[in-house]
Amino acid sequence: MSNDRFVIAGGGIGGLALAIGLAQKGQRSIVLEKARQLGEIGAGIQLGPNAFHAFDYLGVGDTAREMAVYIDNLRLMDAMSGEEITRIPLGADFRARFGNPYAVVHRGDLHGVFLKACTAHDLVDLRTSCEVTGYEQDADSASAVLASGERVTGKALIGAEGLWSRIRQQLVGDGMPRVSGHSTYRSVIPTEDMPEDLRWNAATLWAGPKCHIVHYPLQGGKTWNLVVTYHNHAPEPVAGRPVTHEEVARGFEHINPKARQIIEKGRDWKVWVLCDRDPVLNWVDGRVALLGDAAHPTMQYFAQGACMAMEDAVALSHLADQGGEIGAMLTRYNEMRRQRTARIQLQSREIGTHVYHPEGAHAELRNTVMSAKSPEDWYDAVAWLYGSTGLEGAVSSETLARR
């Protein structure tokens, strides 16, 4: 029966993570994807230990570990002087502290882990070419309204359609995303094209005035992910538009040649104008709730967007397994997740201003403060982020039944 299933709008990483998480708990779901084919665009994703906690809970830990690239350090470099500011070692001490590694993966490979698991599970139904335009609900069910006019009904509807979620627009009604004015350019290059003196087994960030550069290995070291960002006061959202080398280079003419050579090696650059939204207290309406970027879209600077979506999937799967009334369960999910995700959203903005993009005395102060930290200091500083299981604040079925 349709009322025995969850309806999930969006077949990205968050939507599929929720579907397989629910399936692990014996819960049926149907995933509605707007595109004609399930897949992910983009390039690399960084995965902190909290992502691996989520993988294990969702039943895909072994597969995720097989396709991940394990790096030795997080390195912060000064893009003006070319010198290292600080590094966070990711070896045995880091793994012992947080119980899991730090890794990088190709976004498409990560999506494929969840897609394969969902395809193989008989409790997950995947449908493409299903554009969700809104929702309807009554006391016993919730329905996704499709552009075709069809209604797809279940016991709950979860909007996981990302930044431009139509379900969010009906539920929250906060209009257009906030445009940051920061443009990010992405490229993936073969290892032989990467400058030999920068082939560090690390996620490296070069911080400069109103710009930064990130690079790290992907796909077993066969390719390198290049991500460069600068403030160009972009006025409107853009996603994945091809751009010229000249446009990319324009924002990095003032930095050290050692860092600037990354720009010269890039090919087939595409641009995204970074957008987010202000945190909200509520992303639940009766039997309808939001997940991932639909609920709490963030700037990329914490490298936690996909991780937060997976944590959402863990929390919601766990609560669904506890039983109880659907509305109370979704409300509890919202309460569990909103402060942590709001912190990610707001501090991601602050990192861009105070860590990645300052200049002059501000940059000098950053270098002095951050270079003084020991590895143990860094582990303490990121414990709130990487130590999470996604289940903080979970409650029992008895508690849910009383709500």
Protein backbone atom coordinates (compact mmCIF):
# COMPACT_ATOMS: atom_id res chain seq x y z
CA MET A 1 0.00 0.00 0.00
CA SER A 2 1.24 3.51 -0.83
CA ASN A 3 0.58 4.75 2.71
CA ASP A 4 3.19 2.31 4.03
CA ARG A 5 6.03 4.10 2.26
CA PHE A 6 8.05 7.29 2.49
CA VAL A 7 8.05 9.53 -0.58
CA ILE A 8 11.45 11.15 -1.18
CA ALA A 9 11.73 14.05 -3.61
CA GLY A 10 15.26 14.17 -5.02
CA GLY A 11 17.62 11.40 -6.07
CA GLY A 12 20.90 13.02 -5.06
CA ILE A 13 23.24 11.84 -2.30
CA GLY A 14 20.86 12.89 0.50
CA GLY A 15 17.74 11.38 -1.00
CA LEU A 16 19.40 8.05 -1.80
CA ALA A 17 21.13 7.94 1.60
CA LEU A 18 17.74 8.30 3.25
CA ALA A 19 16.18 5.64 1.03
CA ILE A 20 18.81 3.03 1.85
CA GLY A 21 18.81 4.05 5.52
CA LEU A 22 15.06 3.50 5.70
CA ALA A 23 15.39 0.21 3.83
CA GLN A 24 17.92 -1.00 6.39
CA LYS A 25 15.17 -0.48 8.97
CA GLY A 26 12.56 -2.32 6.94
CA GLN A 27 10.89 0.87 5.71
CA ARG A 28 9.72 1.18 2.11
CA SER A 29 10.34 4.33 0.05
CA ILE A 30 9.93 5.74 -3.44
CA VAL A 31 12.50 8.24 -4.74
CA LEU A 32 11.35 10.82 -7.30
CA GLU A 33 14.13 12.38 -9.39
CA LYS A 34 13.57 15.27 -11.79
CA ALA A 35 16.33 14.28 -14.21
CA ARG A 36 15.99 11.56 -16.81
CA GLN A 37 18.91 9.68 -15.33
CA LEU A 38 20.16 9.31 -11.76
CA GLY A 39 23.65 10.77 -11.37
CA GLU A 40 25.73 13.58 -9.88
CA ILE A 41 27.57 16.49 -11.45
CA GLY A 42 30.60 18.16 -9.90
CA ALA A 43 33.96 16.75 -8.94
CA GLY A 44 35.50 16.07 -5.54
CA ILE A 45 34.02 15.82 -2.06
CA GLN A 46 35.91 15.77 1.22
CA LEU A 47 34.67 13.29 3.81
CA GLY A 48 35.39 13.78 7.49
CA PRO A 49 35.10 10.97 10.06
CA ASN A 50 31.46 11.91 10.61
CA ALA A 51 30.76 10.86 7.01
CA PHE A 52 32.18 7.41 7.72
CA HIS A 53 30.06 7.14 10.86
CA ALA A 54 27.08 7.75 8.57
CA PHE A 55 28.26 5.25 5.94
CA ASP A 56 28.46 2.53 8.55
CA TYR A 57 25.04 3.29 9.98
CA LEU A 58 23.52 3.31 6.48
CA GLY A 59 25.08 -0.04 5.62
CA VAL A 60 27.50 1.11 2.90
CA GLY A 61 30.68 1.50 4.95
CA ASP A 62 32.74 -1.19 3.23
CA THR A 63 31.86 0.01 -0.28
CA ALA A 64 32.55 3.64 0.61
CA ARG A 65 35.95 2.78 2.06
CA GLU A 66 36.95 0.90 -1.08
CA MET A 67 36.47 3.90 -3.38
CA ALA A 68 37.84 6.60 -1.06
CA VAL A 69 41.29 8.21 -1.34
CA TYR A 70 42.94 8.55 2.07
CA ILE A 71 45.06 11.65 2.48
CA ASP A 72 47.82 12.34 4.99
CA ASN A 73 47.13 15.96 5.94
CA LEU A 74 44.90 18.97 5.69
CA ARG A 75 47.30 21.78 4.71
CA LEU A 76 46.68 25.51 4.86
CA MET A 77 49.07 27.57 2.74
CA ASP A 78 49.59 31.31 2.39
CA ALA A 79 48.83 32.11 -1.25
CA MET A 80 50.88 35.31 -1.09
CA SER A 81 54.12 34.05 0.45
CA GLY A 82 53.86 30.45 -0.77
CA GLU A 83 54.63 29.20 2.76
CA GLU A 84 52.72 26.71 4.86
CA ILE A 85 50.62 28.21 7.66
CA THR A 86 49.58 25.00 9.42
CA ARG A 87 48.59 21.40 8.85
CA ILE A 88 46.35 18.84 10.52
CA PRO A 89 47.85 15.33 10.40
CA LEU A 90 45.26 12.69 9.50
CA GLY A 91 47.19 9.57 10.45
CA ALA A 92 46.91 7.12 13.33
CA ASP A 93 46.40 9.73 16.06
CA PHE A 94 43.58 11.40 14.14
CA ARG A 95 41.86 8.07 13.45
CA ALA A 96 42.22 7.01 17.06
CA ARG A 97 40.69 10.28 18.24
CA PHE A 98 37.67 10.18 15.91
CA GLY A 99 37.29 6.48 15.20
CA ASN A 100 37.37 6.92 11.43
CA PRO A 101 39.58 8.38 8.67
CA TYR A 102 39.45 11.52 6.55
CA ALA A 103 39.17 10.92 2.81
CA VAL A 104 38.34 12.49 -0.54
CA VAL A 105 36.17 11.01 -3.29
CA HIS A 106 34.66 11.92 -6.62
CA ARG A 107 31.07 13.07 -6.13
CA GLY A 108 29.84 10.71 -8.83
CA ASP A 109 31.56 7.76 -7.14
CA LEU A 110 29.93 8.61 -3.81
CA HIS A 111 26.52 8.92 -5.43
CA GLY A 112 27.15 5.59 -7.11
CA VAL A 113 27.67 3.88 -3.76
CA PHE A 114 24.17 4.83 -2.67
CA LEU A 115 22.61 4.27 -6.08
CA LYS A 116 23.96 0.71 -6.24
CA ALA A 117 22.67 -0.05 -2.75
CA CYS A 118 19.23 1.39 -3.51
CA THR A 119 18.95 -0.40 -6.85
CA ALA A 120 19.72 -3.72 -5.18
CA HIS A 121 17.17 -3.31 -2.37
CA ASP A 122 13.57 -4.37 -2.94
CA LEU A 123 12.25 -1.78 -0.46
CA VAL A 124 13.48 1.14 -2.61
CA ASP A 125 11.62 2.23 -5.75
CA LEU A 126 13.48 4.68 -8.02
CA ARG A 127 11.65 6.87 -10.55
CA THR A 128 13.20 9.40 -12.91
CA SER A 129 11.65 12.22 -14.99
CA CYS A 130 9.49 13.12 -11.99
CA GLU A 131 9.56 16.87 -11.36
CA VAL A 132 8.04 17.66 -7.97
CA THR A 133 6.28 21.05 -7.91
CA GLY A 134 4.68 20.97 -4.46
CA TYR A 135 2.81 18.86 -1.95
CA GLU A 136 -0.57 18.06 -0.47
CA GLN A 137 -1.42 16.24 2.75
CA ASP A 138 -4.24 15.13 4.99
CA ALA A 139 -4.42 13.46 8.39
CA ASP A 140 -3.23 10.09 7.07
CA SER A 141 -0.88 10.76 4.13
CA ALA A 142 1.30 13.20 2.21
CA SER A 143 1.60 13.48 -1.57
CA ALA A 144 4.21 14.90 -3.91
CA VAL A 145 2.55 16.84 -6.71
CA LEU A 146 4.35 16.29 -10.02
CA ALA A 147 4.55 18.65 -12.97
CA SER A 148 2.55 16.06 -14.91
CA GLY A 149 -0.32 16.44 -12.45
CA GLU A 150 0.25 13.02 -10.90
CA ARG A 151 0.17 12.64 -7.11
CA VAL A 152 2.63 10.22 -5.49
CA THR A 153 1.41 9.40 -2.01
CA GLY A 154 2.96 7.94 1.12
CA LYS A 155 2.85 8.20 4.88
CA ALA A 156 5.43 11.04 4.78
CA LEU A 157 7.11 13.22 2.17
CA ILE A 158 10.77 14.24 2.46
CA GLY A 159 12.03 17.09 0.27
CA ALA A 160 15.66 16.39 -0.66
CA GLU A 161 15.82 18.38 -3.91
CA GLY A 162 18.64 20.70 -2.91
CA LEU A 163 19.04 24.47 -2.93
CA TRP A 164 16.10 25.07 -5.27
CA SER A 165 13.65 22.77 -3.49
CA ARG A 166 10.06 23.40 -4.53
CA ILE A 167 8.89 21.68 -1.36
CA ARG A 168 10.89 24.19 0.67
CA GLN A 169 9.30 27.06 -1.19
CA GLN A 170 5.85 25.83 -0.18
CA LEU A 171 6.88 24.93 3.36
CA VAL A 172 9.24 27.80 4.29
CA GLY A 173 8.55 30.33 1.54
CA ASP A 174 11.85 32.19 1.78
CA GLY A 175 12.23 32.98 -1.91
CA MET A 176 15.52 33.06 -3.77
CA PRO A 177 18.76 31.78 -2.24
CA ARG A 178 21.28 34.24 -0.83
CA VAL A 179 23.90 34.95 -3.51
CA SER A 180 27.35 35.28 -1.91
CA GLY A 181 29.13 37.00 -4.79
CA HIS A 182 31.82 34.28 -4.60
CA SER A 183 32.42 32.26 -7.76
CA THR A 184 33.95 28.78 -7.63
CA TYR A 185 35.63 27.24 -10.67
CA ARG A 186 36.20 23.48 -10.85
CA SER A 187 38.41 21.29 -12.98
CA VAL A 188 39.68 17.70 -12.85
CA ILE A 189 43.05 16.97 -14.46
CA PRO A 190 45.19 13.83 -14.97
CA THR A 191 47.98 13.34 -12.45
CA GLU A 192 50.64 13.82 -15.13
CA ASP A 193 49.37 17.39 -15.62
CA MET A 194 49.61 18.25 -11.93
CA PRO A 195 52.83 20.12 -11.03
CA GLU A 196 55.19 17.57 -9.46
CA ASP A 197 56.11 19.85 -6.58
CA LEU A 198 52.43 20.07 -5.55
CA ARG A 199 51.49 16.39 -5.75
CA TRP A 200 51.02 16.22 -2.02
CA ASN A 201 48.80 13.50 -0.60
CA ALA A 202 46.78 16.17 1.16
CA ALA A 203 43.74 18.35 0.85
CA THR A 204 45.56 21.63 0.35
CA LEU A 205 44.07 25.11 0.56
CA TRP A 206 45.94 28.25 -0.50
CA ALA A 207 44.40 31.25 1.27
CA GLY A 208 44.76 34.66 -0.36
CA PRO A 209 43.10 38.09 -0.44
CA LYS A 210 39.51 37.54 -1.60
CA CYS A 211 40.44 34.17 -3.12
CA HIS A 212 41.57 30.65 -2.38
CA ILE A 213 42.70 27.50 -4.21
CA VAL A 214 42.07 23.88 -3.24
CA HIS A 215 43.60 20.72 -4.69
CA TYR A 216 43.69 17.04 -3.77
CA PRO A 217 44.00 13.62 -5.47
CA LEU A 218 41.00 11.60 -6.64
CA GLN A 219 40.25 8.11 -7.97
CA GLY A 220 43.26 6.37 -6.52
CA GLY A 221 45.55 9.25 -7.41
CA LYS A 222 44.81 9.02 -11.13
CA THR A 223 43.33 12.52 -11.26
CA TRP A 224 43.44 15.76 -9.27
CA ASN A 225 40.54 17.91 -8.19
CA LEU A 226 41.11 21.65 -8.61
CA VAL A 227 38.73 24.13 -7.00
CA VAL A 228 39.45 27.87 -7.09
CA THR A 229 37.26 30.58 -5.61
CA TYR A 230 37.30 34.35 -5.66
CA HIS A 231 35.08 37.32 -4.89
CA ASN A 232 33.90 38.70 -8.20
CA HIS A 233 30.58 40.10 -6.96
CA ALA A 234 28.62 37.67 -9.13
CA PRO A 235 25.04 38.97 -9.05
CA GLU A 236 23.03 35.81 -9.69
CA PRO A 237 23.18 32.03 -9.28
CA VAL A 238 25.08 30.01 -11.87
CA ALA A 239 25.68 26.24 -11.79
CA GLY A 240 28.15 24.38 -13.97
CA ARG A 241 28.53 26.87 -16.82
CA PRO A 242 31.70 26.36 -18.93
CA VAL A 243 34.11 29.31 -18.76
CA THR A 244 37.39 30.33 -20.35
CA HIS A 245 40.80 30.02 -18.79
CA GLU A 246 41.09 33.81 -18.93
CA GLU A 247 38.03 34.28 -16.74
CA VAL A 248 39.40 31.94 -14.11
CA ALA A 249 42.90 33.45 -14.12
CA ARG A 250 41.53 36.97 -13.66
CA GLY A 251 40.92 36.47 -9.94
CA PHE A 252 44.40 35.14 -9.13
CA GLU A 253 46.83 37.53 -10.77
CA HIS A 254 47.96 38.87 -7.39
CA ILE A 255 49.03 35.60 -5.72
CA ASN A 256 52.31 33.69 -5.51
CA PRO A 257 53.39 31.95 -8.75
CA LYS A 258 53.71 28.63 -6.92
CA ALA A 259 50.00 28.69 -6.16
CA ARG A 260 49.03 30.34 -9.43
CA GLN A 261 50.42 27.47 -11.52
CA ILE A 262 47.34 25.48 -10.49
CA ILE A 263 45.25 27.83 -12.62
CA GLU A 264 47.51 27.24 -15.61
CA LYS A 265 47.06 23.47 -15.37
CA GLY A 266 43.27 23.48 -15.23
CA ARG A 267 41.17 22.50 -18.22
CA ASP A 268 37.47 22.55 -19.09
CA TRP A 269 36.70 24.88 -16.19
CA LYS A 270 33.09 25.24 -15.03
CA VAL A 271 31.74 27.91 -12.70
CA TRP A 272 29.31 27.84 -9.79
CA VAL A 273 28.21 31.02 -8.00
CA LEU A 274 28.05 30.09 -4.33
CA CYS A 275 24.65 30.45 -2.67
CA ASP A 276 23.18 29.51 0.68
CA ARG A 277 20.21 30.44 2.86
CA ASP A 278 19.80 31.70 6.38
CA PRO A 279 19.12 28.97 8.94
CA VAL A 280 15.49 28.42 9.88
CA LEU A 281 14.06 26.89 13.05
CA ASN A 282 11.45 24.77 11.33
CA TRP A 283 11.54 22.64 8.20
CA VAL A 284 8.56 20.41 9.01
CA ASP A 285 4.89 20.76 8.10
CA GLY A 286 2.81 17.88 9.41
CA ARG A 287 3.89 14.84 7.42
CA VAL A 288 6.33 16.81 5.23
CA ALA A 289 9.97 17.56 6.07
CA LEU A 290 13.17 18.74 4.38
CA LEU A 291 16.61 17.10 4.25
CA GLY A 292 20.12 18.17 3.19
CA ASP A 293 20.48 21.34 1.13
CA ALA A 294 16.71 21.69 0.92
CA ALA A 295 16.70 22.17 4.71
CA HIS A 296 20.04 23.88 5.41
CA PRO A 297 22.03 24.85 2.29
CA THR A 298 25.53 25.98 3.17
CA MET A 299 28.62 27.49 1.65
CA GLN A 300 31.27 24.93 0.72
CA TYR A 301 33.91 26.19 3.14
CA PHE A 302 33.44 23.51 5.82
CA ALA A 303 33.30 20.75 3.15
CA GLN A 304 30.26 19.41 4.97
CA GLY A 305 27.28 19.75 2.63
CA ALA A 306 27.08 16.06 1.65
CA CYS A 307 28.07 15.01 5.16
CA MET A 308 25.18 16.95 6.69
CA ALA A 309 22.73 15.35 4.25
CA MET A 310 23.99 11.90 5.23
CA GLU A 311 23.72 12.76 8.93
CA ASP A 312 20.13 13.87 8.29
CA ALA A 313 19.48 10.49 6.67
CA VAL A 314 20.94 8.70 9.70
CA ALA A 315 18.78 10.68 12.14
CA LEU A 316 15.58 10.27 10.15
CA SER A 317 16.17 6.55 9.53
CA HIS A 318 16.81 5.99 13.22
CA LEU A 319 13.67 7.83 14.30
CA ALA A 320 11.56 6.04 11.68
CA ASP A 321 12.75 2.75 13.16
CA GLN A 322 11.60 3.86 16.61
CA GLY A 323 7.97 4.01 15.50
CA GLY A 324 5.45 6.52 16.81
CA GLU A 325 3.31 9.13 15.12
CA ILE A 326 4.78 10.52 11.88
CA GLY A 327 4.33 14.20 12.70
CA ALA A 328 5.99 13.80 16.10
CA MET A 329 8.84 11.84 14.55
CA LEU A 330 9.53 14.52 11.93
CA THR A 331 9.35 17.25 14.54
CA ARG A 332 11.92 15.43 16.65
CA TYR A 333 14.17 15.00 13.61
CA ASN A 334 13.98 18.77 13.03
CA GLU A 335 14.88 19.44 16.68
CA MET A 336 17.82 17.03 16.56
CA ARG A 337 19.36 18.56 13.46
CA ARG A 338 18.66 22.28 13.37
CA GLN A 339 21.33 23.63 15.75
CA ARG A 340 24.18 21.58 14.34
CA THR A 341 23.29 22.43 10.74
CA ALA A 342 22.77 26.12 11.60
CA ARG A 343 26.27 26.16 13.09
CA ILE A 344 27.65 24.69 9.86
CA GLN A 345 25.79 27.29 7.77
CA LEU A 346 26.86 30.32 9.80
CA GLN A 347 30.44 29.30 10.50
CA SER A 348 30.97 28.40 6.85
CA ARG A 349 30.30 32.04 6.02
CA GLU A 350 32.72 33.17 8.73
CA ILE A 351 35.52 30.91 7.50
CA GLY A 352 35.43 32.62 4.13
CA THR A 353 35.89 36.02 5.71
CA HIS A 354 38.31 35.30 8.56
CA VAL A 355 40.36 32.28 7.42
CA TYR A 356 40.35 31.82 3.65
CA HIS A 357 40.11 35.35 2.26
CA PRO A 358 41.61 38.04 4.56
CA GLU A 359 44.53 40.28 3.65
CA GLY A 360 47.06 42.54 5.34
CA ALA A 361 47.08 42.61 9.13
CA HIS A 362 44.07 40.32 9.27
CA ALA A 363 45.93 37.64 7.28
CA GLU A 364 49.06 38.09 9.38
CA LEU A 365 47.05 37.57 12.57
CA ARG A 366 45.46 34.46 11.08
CA ASN A 367 48.87 33.03 10.27
CA THR A 368 50.21 33.71 13.74
CA VAL A 369 47.25 32.21 15.57
CA MET A 370 46.85 29.16 13.36
CA SER A 371 50.55 28.30 13.06
CA ALA A 372 50.79 28.13 16.86
CA LYS A 373 48.31 25.25 17.11
CA SER A 374 49.58 21.72 17.70
CA PRO A 375 47.88 18.67 16.15
CA GLU A 376 46.17 18.03 19.48
CA ASP A 377 44.90 21.63 19.52
CA TRP A 378 43.39 21.08 16.06
CA TYR A 379 41.79 17.79 17.09
CA ASP A 380 40.17 19.56 20.03
CA ALA A 381 38.97 22.37 17.76
CA VAL A 382 37.25 20.04 15.28
CA ALA A 383 35.91 17.49 17.77
CA TRP A 384 32.41 19.02 17.64
CA LEU A 385 32.40 18.54 13.87
CA TYR A 386 34.03 15.17 13.29
CA GLY A 387 32.95 13.41 16.47
CA SER A 388 29.25 13.44 15.63
CA THR A 389 27.33 10.27 14.80
CA GLY A 390 24.22 12.09 13.58
CA LEU A 391 22.21 10.57 16.42
CA GLU A 392 22.77 13.15 19.13
CA GLY A 393 19.44 13.85 20.79
CA ALA A 394 17.73 10.68 19.53
CA VAL A 395 14.78 9.50 21.62
CA SER A 396 12.95 6.27 22.23
CA SER A 397 9.73 5.08 20.64
CA GLU A 398 7.93 5.61 23.94
CA THR A 399 8.92 9.26 23.94
CA LEU A 400 7.82 9.69 20.33
CA ALA A 401 4.48 8.05 21.04
CA ARG A 402 3.77 10.56 23.80
CA ARG A 403 4.53 13.62 21.64
